[in-house]
């Protein structure tokens, strides 16, 4: 009887990948970075001749390790937080975790999901802007955007500013908010302080609102706090927004970008995103960019992000001077 081979971690993962369906395997690969995909793909060829006994060995090892991770005493919080931070980045992860943590850590405001946006707005329109800011920061951005639009126009800039500047929220503020909600729903639990809001949260809320709301609020906010307004504006325009440009406008942007910045910016994006940009160039120019990216080899993430930031800044400038046209939000909202 032939001795069973000993597989390393990558090879064991490759065996498991060979066992699942193509669709499931593809979904897993999409979550990996390029180096991991190459390593796993190479390992899949290596283990292509795996025997039935070796498959059983790999599966036994997988089940054993899975059981080790799912014992009764296992505290899931650190692992969940680690996964969220790796997948979303610290700021986005913090925003998501503040909404999905168990009730005792989520401030007990889950009853808000049963109210219409105008009802939620009515609860806080007479309250101090800080209370409204805390409430909006605790909602999903899409819902918060609708609530924001129902709030009095006069307080919208102040509320947006306070959302952007929120940090650790003291228990007293949460108790005040919960006591107010308890008058509508009855009963409340003791809360803990939370880290809510921030520039990105304010930007997401305003991005979800109608374009006319953004145009009305931002100039007023700039008069109140120029730094906050600038930070929100920058957070509202991220690299993914460039994909919203049609081919004509994206071509205009690409012609305006230094090739060095373009190469670095596209080095750090997914293949489909890269193809969207290269598809708006001539075949010769696109091939040149591909060759340059290939020749560069691995590139520091900091350099990629810096290049993307420069590209975003250029795009924002071109939008402001009318050279680029971003698709409008809110349908016929622009004709009101």
C-alpha atoms as a PDB file:
ATOM      1  CA  UNK A   1       0.000   0.000   0.000  1.00  0.00           C
ATOM      2  CA  UNK A   2       1.427   3.367  -1.025  1.00  0.00           C
ATOM      3  CA  UNK A   3       2.108   5.853   1.771  1.00  0.00           C
ATOM      4  CA  UNK A   4      -0.199   8.867   1.870  1.00  0.00           C
ATOM      5  CA  UNK A   5       1.360  12.138   0.846  1.00  0.00           C
ATOM      6  CA  UNK A   6       1.675  15.012   3.316  1.00  0.00           C
ATOM      7  CA  UNK A   7       0.076  18.206   2.026  1.00  0.00           C
ATOM      8  CA  UNK A   8       0.853  21.736   3.128  1.00  0.00           C
ATOM      9  CA  UNK A   9      -1.895  24.257   3.872  1.00  0.00           C
ATOM     10  CA  UNK A  10      -2.171  25.542   0.300  1.00  0.00           C
ATOM     11  CA  UNK A  11      -2.324  22.021  -1.103  1.00  0.00           C
ATOM     12  CA  UNK A  12      -5.029  21.004   1.376  1.00  0.00           C
ATOM     13  CA  UNK A  13      -7.032  24.051   0.312  1.00  0.00           C
ATOM     14  CA  UNK A  14      -6.482  23.037  -3.314  1.00  0.00           C
ATOM     15  CA  UNK A  15      -7.895  19.563  -2.641  1.00  0.00           C
ATOM     16  CA  UNK A  16     -10.993  21.098  -1.100  1.00  0.00           C
ATOM     17  CA  UNK A  17     -11.347  23.440  -4.086  1.00  0.00           C
ATOM     18  CA  UNK A  18     -11.262  20.437  -6.431  1.00  0.00           C
ATOM     19  CA  UNK A  19     -14.131  18.870  -4.491  1.00  0.00           C
ATOM     20  CA  UNK A  20     -16.587  21.767  -4.668  1.00  0.00           C
ATOM     21  CA  UNK A  21     -18.502  22.828  -7.762  1.00  0.00           C
ATOM     22  CA  UNK A  22     -17.127  25.309 -10.288  1.00  0.00           C
ATOM     23  CA  UNK A  23     -19.490  28.048  -9.165  1.00  0.00           C
ATOM     24  CA  UNK A  24     -18.542  27.672  -5.505  1.00  0.00           C
ATOM     25  CA  UNK A  25     -14.837  27.505  -6.349  1.00  0.00           C
ATOM     26  CA  UNK A  26     -15.086  30.636  -8.485  1.00  0.00           C
ATOM     27  CA  UNK A  27     -16.844  32.478  -5.663  1.00  0.00           C
ATOM     28  CA  UNK A  28     -13.974  31.578  -3.317  1.00  0.00           C
ATOM     29  CA  UNK A  29     -11.289  32.639  -5.784  1.00  0.00           C
ATOM     30  CA  UNK A  30     -12.938  36.026  -6.220  1.00  0.00           C
ATOM     31  CA  UNK A  31     -12.276  36.716  -2.551  1.00  0.00           C
ATOM     32  CA  UNK A  32      -8.521  36.082  -2.833  1.00  0.00           C
ATOM     33  CA  UNK A  33      -5.755  38.428  -3.904  1.00  0.00           C
ATOM     34  CA  UNK A  34      -3.766  37.699  -7.116  1.00  0.00           C
ATOM     35  CA  UNK A  35      -0.834  36.035  -5.327  1.00  0.00           C
ATOM     36  CA  UNK A  36      -3.187  33.727  -3.430  1.00  0.00           C
ATOM     37  CA  UNK A  37      -5.049  32.809  -6.625  1.00  0.00           C
ATOM     38  CA  UNK A  38      -1.799  31.935  -8.392  1.00  0.00           C
ATOM     39  CA  UNK A  39      -0.543  29.868  -5.456  1.00  0.00           C
ATOM     40  CA  UNK A  40      -3.830  28.017  -5.109  1.00  0.00           C
ATOM     41  CA  UNK A  41      -4.142  27.433  -8.862  1.00  0.00           C
ATOM     42  CA  UNK A  42      -0.625  26.000  -9.018  1.00  0.00           C
ATOM     43  CA  UNK A  43      -1.389  23.738  -6.059  1.00  0.00           C
ATOM     44  CA  UNK A  44      -4.565  22.482  -7.738  1.00  0.00           C
ATOM     45  CA  UNK A  45      -2.442  21.106 -10.611  1.00  0.00           C
ATOM     46  CA  UNK A  46      -0.077  19.557  -8.076  1.00  0.00           C
ATOM     47  CA  UNK A  47      -2.861  17.626  -6.311  1.00  0.00           C
ATOM     48  CA  UNK A  48      -4.836  16.712  -9.431  1.00  0.00           C
ATOM     49  CA  UNK A  49      -3.939  13.039  -8.977  1.00  0.00           C
ATOM     50  CA  UNK A  50      -4.974  12.918  -5.304  1.00  0.00           C
ATOM     51  CA  UNK A  51      -6.182   9.501  -4.188  1.00  0.00           C
ATOM     52  CA  UNK A  52      -9.437   8.701  -2.416  1.00  0.00           C
ATOM     53  CA  UNK A  53      -7.552   7.962   0.807  1.00  0.00           C
ATOM     54  CA  UNK A  54      -5.717  11.280   0.587  1.00  0.00           C
ATOM     55  CA  UNK A  55      -9.012  13.120   0.042  1.00  0.00           C
ATOM     56  CA  UNK A  56     -10.379  11.494   3.185  1.00  0.00           C
ATOM     57  CA  UNK A  57      -7.251  12.546   5.054  1.00  0.00           C
ATOM     58  CA  UNK A  58      -7.667  16.177   3.964  1.00  0.00           C
ATOM     59  CA  UNK A  59     -11.376  16.164   4.841  1.00  0.00           C
ATOM     60  CA  UNK A  60     -10.671  14.665   8.273  1.00  0.00           C
ATOM     61  CA  UNK A  61      -8.086  17.361   8.903  1.00  0.00           C
ATOM     62  CA  UNK A  62     -10.507  20.074   7.774  1.00  0.00           C
ATOM     63  CA  UNK A  63     -13.315  18.792  10.027  1.00  0.00           C
ATOM     64  CA  UNK A  64     -10.920  18.527  12.983  1.00  0.00           C
ATOM     65  CA  UNK A  65      -9.744  22.124  12.556  1.00  0.00           C
ATOM     66  CA  UNK A  66     -13.323  23.333  12.056  1.00  0.00           C
ATOM     67  CA  UNK A  67     -14.351  21.723  15.327  1.00  0.00           C
ATOM     68  CA  UNK A  68     -11.425  23.372  17.079  1.00  0.00           C
ATOM     69  CA  UNK A  69     -12.738  26.761  15.973  1.00  0.00           C
ATOM     70  CA  UNK A  70     -16.366  26.160  16.953  1.00  0.00           C
ATOM     71  CA  UNK A  71     -16.139  25.008  20.583  1.00  0.00           C
ATOM     72  CA  UNK A  72     -18.673  26.235  23.143  1.00  0.00           C
ATOM     73  CA  UNK A  73     -16.095  28.496  24.767  1.00  0.00           C
ATOM     74  CA  UNK A  74     -15.160  30.188  21.487  1.00  0.00           C
ATOM     75  CA  UNK A  75     -15.665  33.955  21.603  1.00  0.00           C
ATOM     76  CA  UNK A  76     -16.634  34.948  18.037  1.00  0.00           C
ATOM     77  CA  UNK A  77     -16.220  38.715  18.500  1.00  0.00           C
ATOM     78  CA  UNK A  78     -12.452  38.982  17.851  1.00  0.00           C
ATOM     79  CA  UNK A  79     -12.625  36.710  14.789  1.00  0.00           C
ATOM     80  CA  UNK A  80     -15.665  38.510  13.349  1.00  0.00           C
ATOM     81  CA  UNK A  81     -14.009  41.871  13.934  1.00  0.00           C
ATOM     82  CA  UNK A  82     -10.809  40.616  12.317  1.00  0.00           C
ATOM     83  CA  UNK A  83     -12.687  39.346   9.260  1.00  0.00           C
ATOM     84  CA  UNK A  84     -14.635  42.604   8.914  1.00  0.00           C
ATOM     85  CA  UNK A  85     -11.510  44.736   9.270  1.00  0.00           C
ATOM     86  CA  UNK A  86      -9.638  42.717   6.663  1.00  0.00           C
ATOM     87  CA  UNK A  87     -12.530  42.691   4.203  1.00  0.00           C
ATOM     88  CA  UNK A  88     -13.832  46.250   4.642  1.00  0.00           C
ATOM     89  CA  UNK A  89     -11.070  48.274   6.260  1.00  0.00           C
ATOM     90  CA  UNK A  90     -11.210  49.703   9.810  1.00  0.00           C
ATOM     91  CA  UNK A  91     -13.679  52.547   9.189  1.00  0.00           C
ATOM     92  CA  UNK A  92     -16.260  50.596   7.182  1.00  0.00           C
ATOM     93  CA  UNK A  93     -15.900  47.588   9.477  1.00  0.00           C
ATOM     94  CA  UNK A  94     -16.575  49.744  12.513  1.00  0.00           C
ATOM     95  CA  UNK A  95     -19.713  51.125  10.895  1.00  0.00           C
ATOM     96  CA  UNK A  96     -21.004  47.632  10.030  1.00  0.00           C
ATOM     97  CA  UNK A  97     -20.119  46.124  13.410  1.00  0.00           C
ATOM     98  CA  UNK A  98     -21.973  48.882  15.240  1.00  0.00           C
ATOM     99  CA  UNK A  99     -25.153  47.630  13.554  1.00  0.00           C
ATOM    100  CA  UNK A 100     -24.705  43.863  13.727  1.00  0.00           C
ATOM    101  CA  UNK A 101     -23.391  43.394  17.262  1.00  0.00           C
ATOM    102  CA  UNK A 102     -25.770  41.654  19.703  1.00  0.00           C
ATOM    103  CA  UNK A 103     -28.562  43.822  21.186  1.00  0.00           C
ATOM    104  CA  UNK A 104     -26.740  44.691  24.380  1.00  0.00           C
ATOM    105  CA  UNK A 105     -23.962  46.312  22.328  1.00  0.00           C
ATOM    106  CA  UNK A 106     -26.162  47.767  19.611  1.00  0.00           C
ATOM    107  CA  UNK A 107     -27.897  50.200  21.938  1.00  0.00           C
ATOM    108  CA  UNK A 108     -31.303  48.557  21.567  1.00  0.00           C
ATOM    109  CA  UNK A 109     -32.450  50.779  18.704  1.00  0.00           C
ATOM    110  CA  UNK A 110     -33.476  47.879  16.467  1.00  0.00           C
ATOM    111  CA  UNK A 111     -37.139  48.918  16.695  1.00  0.00           C
ATOM    112  CA  UNK A 112     -36.398  51.779  14.292  1.00  0.00           C
ATOM    113  CA  UNK A 113     -36.502  49.330  11.381  1.00  0.00           C
ATOM    114  CA  UNK A 114     -40.288  49.178  11.780  1.00  0.00           C
ATOM    115  CA  UNK A 115     -40.808  52.921  11.239  1.00  0.00           C
ATOM    116  CA  UNK A 116     -41.116  54.874   8.009  1.00  0.00           C
ATOM    117  CA  UNK A 117     -38.392  57.511   7.362  1.00  0.00           C
ATOM    118  CA  UNK A 118     -40.831  60.382   7.915  1.00  0.00           C
ATOM    119  CA  UNK A 119     -41.866  58.892  11.253  1.00  0.00           C
ATOM    120  CA  UNK A 120     -38.255  58.642  12.389  1.00  0.00           C
ATOM    121  CA  UNK A 121     -37.636  62.217  11.279  1.00  0.00           C
ATOM    122  CA  UNK A 122     -40.681  63.369  13.235  1.00  0.00           C
ATOM    123  CA  UNK A 123     -39.229  61.804  16.394  1.00  0.00           C
ATOM    124  CA  UNK A 124     -36.127  63.973  16.344  1.00  0.00           C
ATOM    125  CA  UNK A 125     -36.998  67.104  14.383  1.00  0.00           C
ATOM    126  CA  UNK A 126     -37.629  69.029  17.608  1.00  0.00           C
ATOM    127  CA  UNK A 127     -34.652  67.505  19.408  1.00  0.00           C
ATOM    128  CA  UNK A 128     -31.124  68.879  19.644  1.00  0.00           C
ATOM    129  CA  UNK A 129     -29.156  68.279  16.393  1.00  0.00           C
ATOM    130  CA  UNK A 130     -26.761  66.044  18.324  1.00  0.00           C
ATOM    131  CA  UNK A 131     -29.575  63.602  19.126  1.00  0.00           C
ATOM    132  CA  UNK A 132     -30.614  63.525  15.472  1.00  0.00           C
ATOM    133  CA  UNK A 133     -26.981  62.950  14.475  1.00  0.00           C
ATOM    134  CA  UNK A 134     -26.623  59.991  16.839  1.00  0.00           C
ATOM    135  CA  UNK A 135     -29.843  58.456  15.562  1.00  0.00           C
ATOM    136  CA  UNK A 136     -28.916  58.832  11.885  1.00  0.00           C
ATOM    137  CA  UNK A 137     -25.447  57.399  12.487  1.00  0.00           C
ATOM    138  CA  UNK A 138     -27.089  54.331  14.025  1.00  0.00           C
ATOM    139  CA  UNK A 139     -29.190  53.645  10.915  1.00  0.00           C
ATOM    140  CA  UNK A 140     -28.199  52.000   7.654  1.00  0.00           C
ATOM    141  CA  UNK A 141     -26.997  54.786   5.313  1.00  0.00           C
ATOM    142  CA  UNK A 142     -29.815  54.224   2.791  1.00  0.00           C
ATOM    143  CA  UNK A 143     -32.467  54.638   5.483  1.00  0.00           C
ATOM    144  CA  UNK A 144     -30.577  57.487   7.131  1.00  0.00           C
ATOM    145  CA  UNK A 145     -30.499  59.358   3.811  1.00  0.00           C
ATOM    146  CA  UNK A 146     -34.295  59.198   3.542  1.00  0.00           C
ATOM    147  CA  UNK A 147     -34.717  60.306   7.145  1.00  0.00           C
ATOM    148  CA  UNK A 148     -32.253  63.149   6.566  1.00  0.00           C
ATOM    149  CA  UNK A 149     -34.349  64.488   3.691  1.00  0.00           C
ATOM    150  CA  UNK A 150     -37.429  64.650   5.922  1.00  0.00           C
ATOM    151  CA  UNK A 151     -35.656  66.775   8.540  1.00  0.00           C
ATOM    152  CA  UNK A 152     -36.096  70.581   8.467  1.00  0.00           C
ATOM    153  CA  UNK A 153     -33.776  72.180   5.925  1.00  0.00           C
ATOM    154  CA  UNK A 154     -32.532  74.665   8.484  1.00  0.00           C
ATOM    155  CA  UNK A 155     -30.936  71.987  10.658  1.00  0.00           C
ATOM    156  CA  UNK A 156     -29.654  69.639   7.953  1.00  0.00           C
ATOM    157  CA  UNK A 157     -26.172  71.228   7.656  1.00  0.00           C
ATOM    158  CA  UNK A 158     -25.695  71.185  11.432  1.00  0.00           C
ATOM    159  CA  UNK A 159     -26.792  67.566  11.692  1.00  0.00           C
ATOM    160  CA  UNK A 160     -24.506  66.480   8.833  1.00  0.00           C
ATOM    161  CA  UNK A 161     -21.576  68.269  10.476  1.00  0.00           C
ATOM    162  CA  UNK A 162     -22.255  66.560  13.803  1.00  0.00           C
ATOM    163  CA  UNK A 163     -22.445  63.130  12.122  1.00  0.00           C
ATOM    164  CA  UNK A 164     -19.067  63.780  10.503  1.00  0.00           C
ATOM    165  CA  UNK A 165     -17.549  64.754  13.856  1.00  0.00           C
ATOM    166  CA  UNK A 166     -19.121  61.995  15.939  1.00  0.00           C
ATOM    167  CA  UNK A 167     -16.793  59.713  17.817  1.00  0.00           C
ATOM    168  CA  UNK A 168     -17.365  57.843  21.067  1.00  0.00           C
ATOM    169  CA  UNK A 169     -20.984  58.507  22.038  1.00  0.00           C
ATOM    170  CA  UNK A 170     -21.444  58.669  25.825  1.00  0.00           C
ATOM    171  CA  UNK A 171     -24.057  56.402  27.434  1.00  0.00           C
ATOM    172  CA  UNK A 172     -26.019  59.489  28.529  1.00  0.00           C
ATOM    173  CA  UNK A 173     -26.644  60.485  24.913  1.00  0.00           C
ATOM    174  CA  UNK A 174     -27.775  56.980  24.031  1.00  0.00           C
ATOM    175  CA  UNK A 175     -30.070  56.890  27.064  1.00  0.00           C
ATOM    176  CA  UNK A 176     -31.647  60.200  26.001  1.00  0.00           C
ATOM    177  CA  UNK A 177     -32.274  58.849  22.518  1.00  0.00           C
ATOM    178  CA  UNK A 178     -33.633  55.548  23.795  1.00  0.00           C
ATOM    179  CA  UNK A 179     -35.891  57.270  26.326  1.00  0.00           C
ATOM    180  CA  UNK A 180     -37.347  59.345  23.501  1.00  0.00           C
ATOM    181  CA  UNK A 181     -37.958  56.222  21.417  1.00  0.00           C
ATOM    182  CA  UNK A 182     -39.402  54.405  24.422  1.00  0.00           C
ATOM    183  CA  UNK A 183     -42.228  56.941  24.485  1.00  0.00           C
ATOM    184  CA  UNK A 184     -43.252  55.563  21.107  1.00  0.00           C
ATOM    185  CA  UNK A 185     -42.473  51.868  21.530  1.00  0.00           C
ATOM    186  CA  UNK A 186     -42.477  51.318  25.276  1.00  0.00           C
ATOM    187  CA  UNK A 187     -39.551  50.056  27.314  1.00  0.00           C
ATOM    188  CA  UNK A 188     -35.805  50.431  26.944  1.00  0.00           C
ATOM    189  CA  UNK A 189     -32.668  48.661  28.028  1.00  0.00           C
ATOM    190  CA  UNK A 190     -29.587  50.196  29.547  1.00  0.00           C
ATOM    191  CA  UNK A 191     -27.124  51.114  26.841  1.00  0.00           C
ATOM    192  CA  UNK A 192     -23.384  51.433  26.479  1.00  0.00           C
ATOM    193  CA  UNK A 193     -21.328  54.059  24.691  1.00  0.00           C
ATOM    194  CA  UNK A 194     -20.762  53.484  20.975  1.00  0.00           C
ATOM    195  CA  UNK A 195     -18.369  54.675  18.299  1.00  0.00           C
ATOM    196  CA  UNK A 196     -20.662  56.071  15.604  1.00  0.00           C
ATOM    197  CA  UNK A 197     -20.608  58.469  12.711  1.00  0.00           C
ATOM    198  CA  UNK A 198     -17.544  59.961  11.096  1.00  0.00           C
ATOM    199  CA  UNK A 199     -16.841  61.603   7.775  1.00  0.00           C
ATOM    200  CA  UNK A 200     -17.505  58.454   5.749  1.00  0.00           C
ATOM    201  CA  UNK A 201     -20.837  57.877   7.463  1.00  0.00           C
ATOM    202  CA  UNK A 202     -21.918  61.468   6.766  1.00  0.00           C
ATOM    203  CA  UNK A 203     -20.772  61.098   3.149  1.00  0.00           C
ATOM    204  CA  UNK A 204     -22.752  57.861   2.693  1.00  0.00           C
ATOM    205  CA  UNK A 205     -25.895  59.490   4.074  1.00  0.00           C
ATOM    206  CA  UNK A 206     -25.578  62.504   1.799  1.00  0.00           C
ATOM    207  CA  UNK A 207     -24.705  60.304  -1.190  1.00  0.00           C
ATOM    208  CA  UNK A 208     -27.965  58.448  -0.679  1.00  0.00           C
ATOM    209  CA  UNK A 209     -29.973  61.668  -0.672  1.00  0.00           C
ATOM    210  CA  UNK A 210     -31.175  63.433  -3.788  1.00  0.00           C
ATOM    211  CA  UNK A 211     -28.746  65.609  -5.744  1.00  0.00           C
ATOM    212  CA  UNK A 212     -30.779  68.725  -5.001  1.00  0.00           C
ATOM    213  CA  UNK A 213     -30.393  68.032  -1.278  1.00  0.00           C
ATOM    214  CA  UNK A 214     -26.613  67.754  -1.653  1.00  0.00           C
ATOM    215  CA  UNK A 215     -26.434  71.034  -3.594  1.00  0.00           C
ATOM    216  CA  UNK A 216     -28.476  72.814  -0.957  1.00  0.00           C
ATOM    217  CA  UNK A 217     -26.759  71.431   2.127  1.00  0.00           C
ATOM    218  CA  UNK A 218     -23.061  71.466   1.186  1.00  0.00           C
ATOM    219  CA  UNK A 219     -22.670  75.256   0.643  1.00  0.00           C
ATOM    220  CA  UNK A 220     -24.374  75.897   3.975  1.00  0.00           C
ATOM    221  CA  UNK A 221     -22.182  73.324   5.694  1.00  0.00           C
ATOM    222  CA  UNK A 222     -19.067  74.920   4.161  1.00  0.00           C
ATOM    223  CA  UNK A 223     -20.007  78.214   5.817  1.00  0.00           C
ATOM    224  CA  UNK A 224     -20.368  76.467   9.179  1.00  0.00           C
ATOM    225  CA  UNK A 225     -17.265  74.263   8.955  1.00  0.00           C
ATOM    226  CA  UNK A 226     -15.186  74.348   5.763  1.00  0.00           C
ATOM    227  CA  UNK A 227     -12.881  71.511   6.844  1.00  0.00           C
ATOM    228  CA  UNK A 228     -15.749  69.122   7.539  1.00  0.00           C
ATOM    229  CA  UNK A 229     -17.445  70.059   4.267  1.00  0.00           C
ATOM    230  CA  UNK A 230     -14.226  69.385   2.339  1.00  0.00           C
ATOM    231  CA  UNK A 231     -13.700  66.048   4.090  1.00  0.00           C
ATOM    232  CA  UNK A 232     -17.260  64.940   3.330  1.00  0.00           C
ATOM    233  CA  UNK A 233     -16.927  66.018  -0.288  1.00  0.00           C
ATOM    234  CA  UNK A 234     -13.733  63.981  -0.665  1.00  0.00           C
ATOM    235  CA  UNK A 235     -15.312  60.945   0.996  1.00  0.00           C
ATOM    236  CA  UNK A 236     -18.319  61.168  -1.338  1.00  0.00           C
ATOM    237  CA  UNK A 237     -16.096  60.916  -4.422  1.00  0.00           C
ATOM    238  CA  UNK A 238     -14.105  57.666  -4.297  1.00  0.00           C
ATOM    239  CA  UNK A 239     -12.325  55.670  -6.999  1.00  0.00           C
ATOM    240  CA  UNK A 240     -15.339  53.419  -7.620  1.00  0.00           C
ATOM    241  CA  UNK A 241     -17.363  56.499  -8.557  1.00  0.00           C
ATOM    242  CA  UNK A 242     -15.234  56.848 -11.672  1.00  0.00           C
ATOM    243  CA  UNK A 243     -16.923  53.705 -13.000  1.00  0.00           C
ATOM    244  CA  UNK A 244     -20.193  55.652 -13.077  1.00  0.00           C
ATOM    245  CA  UNK A 245     -18.813  57.787 -15.904  1.00  0.00           C
ATOM    246  CA  UNK A 246     -19.985  56.822 -19.376  1.00  0.00           C
ATOM    247  CA  UNK A 247     -17.368  55.807 -21.957  1.00  0.00           C
ATOM    248  CA  UNK A 248     -17.058  59.307 -23.405  1.00  0.00           C
ATOM    249  CA  UNK A 249     -16.428  60.971 -20.042  1.00  0.00           C
ATOM    250  CA  UNK A 250     -14.158  58.172 -18.835  1.00  0.00           C
ATOM    251  CA  UNK A 251     -12.093  58.554 -22.033  1.00  0.00           C
ATOM    252  CA  UNK A 252     -11.809  62.285 -21.334  1.00  0.00           C
ATOM    253  CA  UNK A 253     -10.554  61.577 -17.843  1.00  0.00           C
ATOM    254  CA  UNK A 254      -8.026  58.977 -19.013  1.00  0.00           C
ATOM    255  CA  UNK A 255      -6.589  61.432 -21.569  1.00  0.00           C
ATOM    256  CA  UNK A 256      -6.137  63.962 -18.772  1.00  0.00           C
ATOM    257  CA  UNK A 257      -4.333  61.586 -16.396  1.00  0.00           C
ATOM    258  CA  UNK A 258      -0.565  61.194 -16.404  1.00  0.00           C
ATOM    259  CA  UNK A 259       0.331  57.681 -17.560  1.00  0.00           C
ATOM    260  CA  UNK A 260       2.371  57.072 -14.391  1.00  0.00           C
ATOM    261  CA  UNK A 261      -0.678  57.776 -12.212  1.00  0.00           C
ATOM    262  CA  UNK A 262      -2.911  55.672 -14.453  1.00  0.00           C
ATOM    263  CA  UNK A 263      -0.580  52.659 -14.315  1.00  0.00           C
ATOM    264  CA  UNK A 264      -0.333  52.777 -10.526  1.00  0.00           C
ATOM    265  CA  UNK A 265      -4.082  53.367 -10.087  1.00  0.00           C
ATOM    266  CA  UNK A 266      -5.076  50.412 -12.256  1.00  0.00           C
ATOM    267  CA  UNK A 267      -2.484  48.142 -10.672  1.00  0.00           C
ATOM    268  CA  UNK A 268      -4.603  47.887  -7.539  1.00  0.00           C
ATOM    269  CA  UNK A 269      -8.053  47.181  -9.010  1.00  0.00           C
ATOM    270  CA  UNK A 270      -9.928  44.051 -10.038  1.00  0.00           C
ATOM    271  CA  UNK A 271      -9.559  42.788 -13.596  1.00  0.00           C
ATOM    272  CA  UNK A 272     -13.091  43.786 -14.627  1.00  0.00           C
ATOM    273  CA  UNK A 273     -12.544  47.338 -13.343  1.00  0.00           C
ATOM    274  CA  UNK A 274      -9.196  47.535 -15.130  1.00  0.00           C
ATOM    275  CA  UNK A 275     -10.813  46.356 -18.357  1.00  0.00           C
ATOM    276  CA  UNK A 276     -13.486  49.052 -18.018  1.00  0.00           C
ATOM    277  CA  UNK A 277     -10.773  51.724 -18.071  1.00  0.00           C
ATOM    278  CA  UNK A 278      -8.658  50.083 -20.765  1.00  0.00           C
ATOM    279  CA  UNK A 279     -11.753  49.584 -22.900  1.00  0.00           C
ATOM    280  CA  UNK A 280     -12.033  53.364 -23.212  1.00  0.00           C
ATOM    281  CA  UNK A 281      -8.553  53.601 -24.722  1.00  0.00           C
ATOM    282  CA  UNK A 282      -7.130  52.670 -28.109  1.00  0.00           C
ATOM    283  CA  UNK A 283      -5.894  49.088 -28.379  1.00  0.00           C
ATOM    284  CA  UNK A 284      -2.327  50.294 -28.682  1.00  0.00           C
ATOM    285  CA  UNK A 285      -2.539  52.530 -25.620  1.00  0.00           C
ATOM    286  CA  UNK A 286      -4.285  49.811 -23.599  1.00  0.00           C
ATOM    287  CA  UNK A 287      -1.598  47.267 -24.523  1.00  0.00           C
ATOM    288  CA  UNK A 288       1.046  49.771 -23.466  1.00  0.00           C
ATOM    289  CA  UNK A 289      -0.576  50.204 -20.042  1.00  0.00           C
ATOM    290  CA  UNK A 290      -0.854  46.427 -19.597  1.00  0.00           C
ATOM    291  CA  UNK A 291       2.796  45.940 -20.531  1.00  0.00           C
ATOM    292  CA  UNK A 292       3.856  48.655 -18.119  1.00  0.00           C
ATOM    293  CA  UNK A 293       1.856  47.154 -15.246  1.00  0.00           C
ATOM    294  CA  UNK A 294       3.337  43.740 -15.956  1.00  0.00           C
ATOM    295  CA  UNK A 295       6.849  45.165 -16.036  1.00  0.00           C
ATOM    296  CA  UNK A 296       6.379  46.936 -12.697  1.00  0.00           C
ATOM    297  CA  UNK A 297       5.741  43.724 -10.788  1.00  0.00           C
ATOM    298  CA  UNK A 298       4.363  43.968  -7.217  1.00  0.00           C
ATOM    299  CA  UNK A 299       3.648  47.511  -6.109  1.00  0.00           C
ATOM    300  CA  UNK A 300       3.237  48.979  -2.636  1.00  0.00           C
ATOM    301  CA  UNK A 301      -0.399  49.484  -1.665  1.00  0.00           C
ATOM    302  CA  UNK A 302       0.433  52.961  -0.368  1.00  0.00           C
ATOM    303  CA  UNK A 303       1.707  53.979  -3.821  1.00  0.00           C
ATOM    304  CA  UNK A 304      -1.431  52.623  -5.497  1.00  0.00           C
ATOM    305  CA  UNK A 305      -3.737  54.445  -3.100  1.00  0.00           C
ATOM    306  CA  UNK A 306      -1.784  57.681  -3.506  1.00  0.00           C
ATOM    307  CA  UNK A 307      -2.118  57.440  -7.288  1.00  0.00           C
ATOM    308  CA  UNK A 308      -5.841  56.725  -7.053  1.00  0.00           C
ATOM    309  CA  UNK A 309      -6.226  59.703  -4.733  1.00  0.00           C
ATOM    310  CA  UNK A 310      -4.513  61.916  -7.310  1.00  0.00           C
ATOM    311  CA  UNK A 311      -6.770  60.546 -10.045  1.00  0.00           C
ATOM    312  CA  UNK A 312      -9.860  61.216  -7.943  1.00  0.00           C
ATOM    313  CA  UNK A 313      -8.713  64.781  -7.231  1.00  0.00           C
ATOM    314  CA  UNK A 314      -8.223  65.380 -10.960  1.00  0.00           C
ATOM    315  CA  UNK A 315     -11.671  63.956 -11.731  1.00  0.00           C
ATOM    316  CA  UNK A 316     -13.307  66.156  -9.093  1.00  0.00           C
ATOM    317  CA  UNK A 317     -11.637  69.200 -10.605  1.00  0.00           C
ATOM    318  CA  UNK A 318     -12.811  68.264 -14.100  1.00  0.00           C
ATOM    319  CA  UNK A 319     -16.356  67.771 -12.809  1.00  0.00           C
ATOM    320  CA  UNK A 320     -16.313  71.183 -11.147  1.00  0.00           C
ATOM    321  CA  UNK A 321     -15.149  73.000 -14.278  1.00  0.00           C
ATOM    322  CA  UNK A 322     -17.678  71.135 -16.421  1.00  0.00           C
ATOM    323  CA  UNK A 323     -15.197  69.057 -18.419  1.00  0.00           C
ATOM    324  CA  UNK A 324     -16.640  65.838 -16.987  1.00  0.00           C
ATOM    325  CA  UNK A 325     -20.301  65.073 -16.485  1.00  0.00           C
ATOM    326  CA  UNK A 326     -21.221  62.695 -13.677  1.00  0.00           C
ATOM    327  CA  UNK A 327     -24.623  60.946 -13.901  1.00  0.00           C
ATOM    328  CA  UNK A 328     -27.159  62.795 -11.792  1.00  0.00           C
ATOM    329  CA  UNK A 329     -29.040  61.273  -8.862  1.00  0.00           C
ATOM    330  CA  UNK A 330     -32.723  61.517  -8.254  1.00  0.00           C
ATOM    331  CA  UNK A 331     -34.031  61.264 -11.818  1.00  0.00           C
ATOM    332  CA  UNK A 332     -35.983  64.420 -12.733  1.00  0.00           C
ATOM    333  CA  UNK A 333     -34.939  65.896  -9.382  1.00  0.00           C
ATOM    334  CA  UNK A 334     -32.576  68.162 -11.347  1.00  0.00           C
ATOM    335  CA  UNK A 335     -35.529  69.805 -13.089  1.00  0.00           C
ATOM    336  CA  UNK A 336     -37.353  70.918  -9.935  1.00  0.00           C
END
